[in-house]
Amino acid sequence: MTNREERTWLTVPELVEVLGVGVGRVHRLLEDRHLLGARVDGVLKIPADFIVDGEPLSELRGTLIVLADDGFSDDEAMDWLLETEDSLGAAPIDALRAGRKAEVRRVAQALA
């Protein structure tokens, strides 16, 4: 899978159920950059790929911070995470899920 349209997206209520936490906690996870959401057809949604074993992917937060430090908007960061990155040979989120955190962050830092 290589782009936004092919991904599974979760609404905040769905995420509340998946994570087993309240709506306030989900919003805090978004504010604290443990998760990233985007408006899809006017509804705030989070890619299901950002969740592993009922928890936010732990490697995501640091990567989101690197991208923000590089001047990426949330939408730009979302696009970068979900689209195939040639230097990784995969979408960065897929590389993160495969345990390639250092490599993903190196590429992210080089984008600045």
C-alpha atoms as a PDB file:
ATOM      1  CA  MET A   1       0.000   0.000   0.000  1.00  0.00           C
ATOM      2  CA  THR A   2       1.426   3.291  -0.992  1.00  0.00           C
ATOM      3  CA  ASN A   3      -1.006   6.125  -0.499  1.00  0.00           C
ATOM      4  CA  ARG A   4      -3.683   7.711   1.646  1.00  0.00           C
ATOM      5  CA  GLU A   5      -6.608   6.282  -0.288  1.00  0.00           C
ATOM      6  CA  GLU A   6      -5.451   2.697   0.197  1.00  0.00           C
ATOM      7  CA  ARG A   7      -5.081   3.030   3.964  1.00  0.00           C
ATOM      8  CA  THR A   8      -7.643   2.171   6.619  1.00  0.00           C
ATOM      9  CA  TRP A   9      -8.677   5.256   8.610  1.00  0.00           C
ATOM     10  CA  LEU A  10     -10.220   5.391  12.077  1.00  0.00           C
ATOM     11  CA  THR A  11     -12.526   8.107  13.381  1.00  0.00           C
ATOM     12  CA  VAL A  12     -12.021   9.407  16.919  1.00  0.00           C
ATOM     13  CA  PRO A  13     -14.927   7.271  18.261  1.00  0.00           C
ATOM     14  CA  GLU A  14     -13.419   4.191  16.575  1.00  0.00           C
ATOM     15  CA  LEU A  15     -10.019   5.036  18.050  1.00  0.00           C
ATOM     16  CA  VAL A  16     -11.584   5.399  21.512  1.00  0.00           C
ATOM     17  CA  GLU A  17     -12.833   1.831  21.147  1.00  0.00           C
ATOM     18  CA  VAL A  18      -9.549   0.449  19.750  1.00  0.00           C
ATOM     19  CA  LEU A  19      -7.397   2.120  22.421  1.00  0.00           C
ATOM     20  CA  GLY A  20      -9.881   1.654  25.257  1.00  0.00           C
ATOM     21  CA  VAL A  21      -9.507   5.276  26.384  1.00  0.00           C
ATOM     22  CA  GLY A  22     -11.743   8.342  26.507  1.00  0.00           C
ATOM     23  CA  VAL A  23     -12.149  10.984  23.828  1.00  0.00           C
ATOM     24  CA  GLY A  24     -10.089  13.425  25.914  1.00  0.00           C
ATOM     25  CA  ARG A  25      -7.165  11.002  25.983  1.00  0.00           C
ATOM     26  CA  VAL A  26      -7.330  10.561  22.193  1.00  0.00           C
ATOM     27  CA  HIS A  27      -7.211  14.342  21.747  1.00  0.00           C
ATOM     28  CA  ARG A  28      -4.232  14.524  24.136  1.00  0.00           C
ATOM     29  CA  LEU A  29      -2.427  11.842  22.115  1.00  0.00           C
ATOM     30  CA  LEU A  30      -2.980  13.993  19.018  1.00  0.00           C
ATOM     31  CA  GLU A  31      -1.898  17.224  20.759  1.00  0.00           C
ATOM     32  CA  ASP A  32       1.224  15.563  22.194  1.00  0.00           C
ATOM     33  CA  ARG A  33       2.124  14.153  18.748  1.00  0.00           C
ATOM     34  CA  HIS A  34       1.807  10.509  19.744  1.00  0.00           C
ATOM     35  CA  LEU A  35      -0.694  10.343  16.877  1.00  0.00           C
ATOM     36  CA  LEU A  36      -1.439  12.421  13.815  1.00  0.00           C
ATOM     37  CA  GLY A  37      -4.844  12.920  12.291  1.00  0.00           C
ATOM     38  CA  ALA A  38      -6.187  14.431   9.103  1.00  0.00           C
ATOM     39  CA  ARG A  39      -9.555  15.620   7.873  1.00  0.00           C
ATOM     40  CA  VAL A  40     -11.034  13.064   5.486  1.00  0.00           C
ATOM     41  CA  ASP A  41     -14.312  14.246   4.000  1.00  0.00           C
ATOM     42  CA  GLY A  42     -14.505  16.768   6.845  1.00  0.00           C
ATOM     43  CA  VAL A  43     -14.082  14.153   9.580  1.00  0.00           C
ATOM     44  CA  LEU A  44     -10.944  13.878  11.730  1.00  0.00           C
ATOM     45  CA  LYS A  45      -9.413  10.459  11.097  1.00  0.00           C
ATOM     46  CA  ILE A  46      -6.227   8.658  12.066  1.00  0.00           C
ATOM     47  CA  PRO A  47      -4.573   5.954   9.945  1.00  0.00           C
ATOM     48  CA  ALA A  48      -5.026   2.509  11.495  1.00  0.00           C
ATOM     49  CA  ASP A  49      -1.347   1.920  10.662  1.00  0.00           C
ATOM     50  CA  PHE A  50      -0.458   4.305  13.493  1.00  0.00           C
ATOM     51  CA  ILE A  51      -1.821   1.770  16.028  1.00  0.00           C
ATOM     52  CA  VAL A  52      -0.012  -1.428  17.002  1.00  0.00           C
ATOM     53  CA  ASP A  53      -1.397  -3.899  19.536  1.00  0.00           C
ATOM     54  CA  GLY A  54      -3.971  -1.403  20.792  1.00  0.00           C
ATOM     55  CA  GLU A  55      -1.412   1.377  21.369  1.00  0.00           C
ATOM     56  CA  PRO A  56      -0.017   4.253  19.304  1.00  0.00           C
ATOM     57  CA  LEU A  57       3.110   3.140  17.426  1.00  0.00           C
ATOM     58  CA  SER A  58       5.857   4.243  19.830  1.00  0.00           C
ATOM     59  CA  GLU A  59       8.280   5.213  17.044  1.00  0.00           C
ATOM     60  CA  LEU A  60       5.773   7.622  15.515  1.00  0.00           C
ATOM     61  CA  ARG A  61       6.096  10.468  18.039  1.00  0.00           C
ATOM     62  CA  GLY A  62       9.801  11.130  17.527  1.00  0.00           C
ATOM     63  CA  THR A  63       9.374  10.987  13.776  1.00  0.00           C
ATOM     64  CA  LEU A  64       6.490  13.487  13.935  1.00  0.00           C
ATOM     65  CA  ILE A  65       8.655  15.805  16.037  1.00  0.00           C
ATOM     66  CA  VAL A  66      11.513  15.583  13.506  1.00  0.00           C
ATOM     67  CA  LEU A  67       9.111  16.409  10.674  1.00  0.00           C
ATOM     68  CA  ALA A  68       7.635  19.359  12.614  1.00  0.00           C
ATOM     69  CA  ASP A  69      11.156  20.620  13.343  1.00  0.00           C
ATOM     70  CA  ASP A  70      11.823  20.396   9.582  1.00  0.00           C
ATOM     71  CA  GLY A  71       8.870  22.749   9.040  1.00  0.00           C
ATOM     72  CA  PHE A  72       6.370  20.151   7.830  1.00  0.00           C
ATOM     73  CA  SER A  73       2.691  20.951   8.352  1.00  0.00           C
ATOM     74  CA  ASP A  74       0.520  18.129   9.709  1.00  0.00           C
ATOM     75  CA  ASP A  75      -0.841  17.477   6.214  1.00  0.00           C
ATOM     76  CA  GLU A  76       2.658  17.387   4.725  1.00  0.00           C
ATOM     77  CA  ALA A  77       3.826  15.036   7.487  1.00  0.00           C
ATOM     78  CA  MET A  78       0.831  12.765   6.876  1.00  0.00           C
ATOM     79  CA  ASP A  79       1.529  12.658   3.147  1.00  0.00           C
ATOM     80  CA  TRP A  80       5.204  11.878   3.738  1.00  0.00           C
ATOM     81  CA  LEU A  81       4.432   9.099   6.211  1.00  0.00           C
ATOM     82  CA  LEU A  82       1.895   7.396   3.947  1.00  0.00           C
ATOM     83  CA  GLU A  83       3.448   7.793   0.498  1.00  0.00           C
ATOM     84  CA  THR A  84       6.277   5.606  -0.785  1.00  0.00           C
ATOM     85  CA  GLU A  85       9.644   7.208  -0.043  1.00  0.00           C
ATOM     86  CA  ASP A  86      12.110   6.122  -2.730  1.00  0.00           C
ATOM     87  CA  SER A  87      15.129   6.156  -0.411  1.00  0.00           C
ATOM     88  CA  LEU A  88      13.320   3.739   1.943  1.00  0.00           C
ATOM     89  CA  GLY A  89      11.700   1.629  -0.744  1.00  0.00           C
ATOM     90  CA  ALA A  90       8.473   1.825   1.263  1.00  0.00           C
ATOM     91  CA  ALA A  91       6.153   4.293   2.912  1.00  0.00           C
ATOM     92  CA  PRO A  92       7.834   5.640   6.059  1.00  0.00           C
ATOM     93  CA  ILE A  93       4.997   4.357   8.270  1.00  0.00           C
ATOM     94  CA  ASP A  94       5.528   0.863   6.882  1.00  0.00           C
ATOM     95  CA  ALA A  95       9.268   1.156   7.519  1.00  0.00           C
ATOM     96  CA  LEU A  96       8.586   2.315  11.096  1.00  0.00           C
ATOM     97  CA  ARG A  97       6.262  -0.648  11.648  1.00  0.00           C
ATOM     98  CA  ALA A  98       9.057  -2.911  10.333  1.00  0.00           C
ATOM     99  CA  GLY A  99      11.486  -1.623  12.982  1.00  0.00           C
ATOM    100  CA  ARG A 100      13.454   0.756  10.752  1.00  0.00           C
ATOM    101  CA  LYS A 101      13.113   3.798  13.041  1.00  0.00           C
ATOM    102  CA  ALA A 102      16.696   5.072  12.752  1.00  0.00           C
ATOM    103  CA  GLU A 103      16.633   4.870   8.960  1.00  0.00           C
ATOM    104  CA  VAL A 104      13.256   6.656   8.739  1.00  0.00           C
ATOM    105  CA  ARG A 105      14.426   9.457  11.038  1.00  0.00           C
ATOM    106  CA  ARG A 106      17.682   9.854   9.109  1.00  0.00           C
ATOM    107  CA  VAL A 107      15.693  10.328   5.898  1.00  0.00           C
ATOM    108  CA  ALA A 108      13.259  12.700   7.663  1.00  0.00           C
ATOM    109  CA  GLN A 109      16.121  14.836   8.992  1.00  0.00           C
ATOM    110  CA  ALA A 110      17.665  15.059   5.510  1.00  0.00           C
ATOM    111  CA  LEU A 111      14.417  16.617   4.198  1.00  0.00           C
ATOM    112  CA  ALA A 112      15.040  19.935   5.964  1.00  0.00           C
END
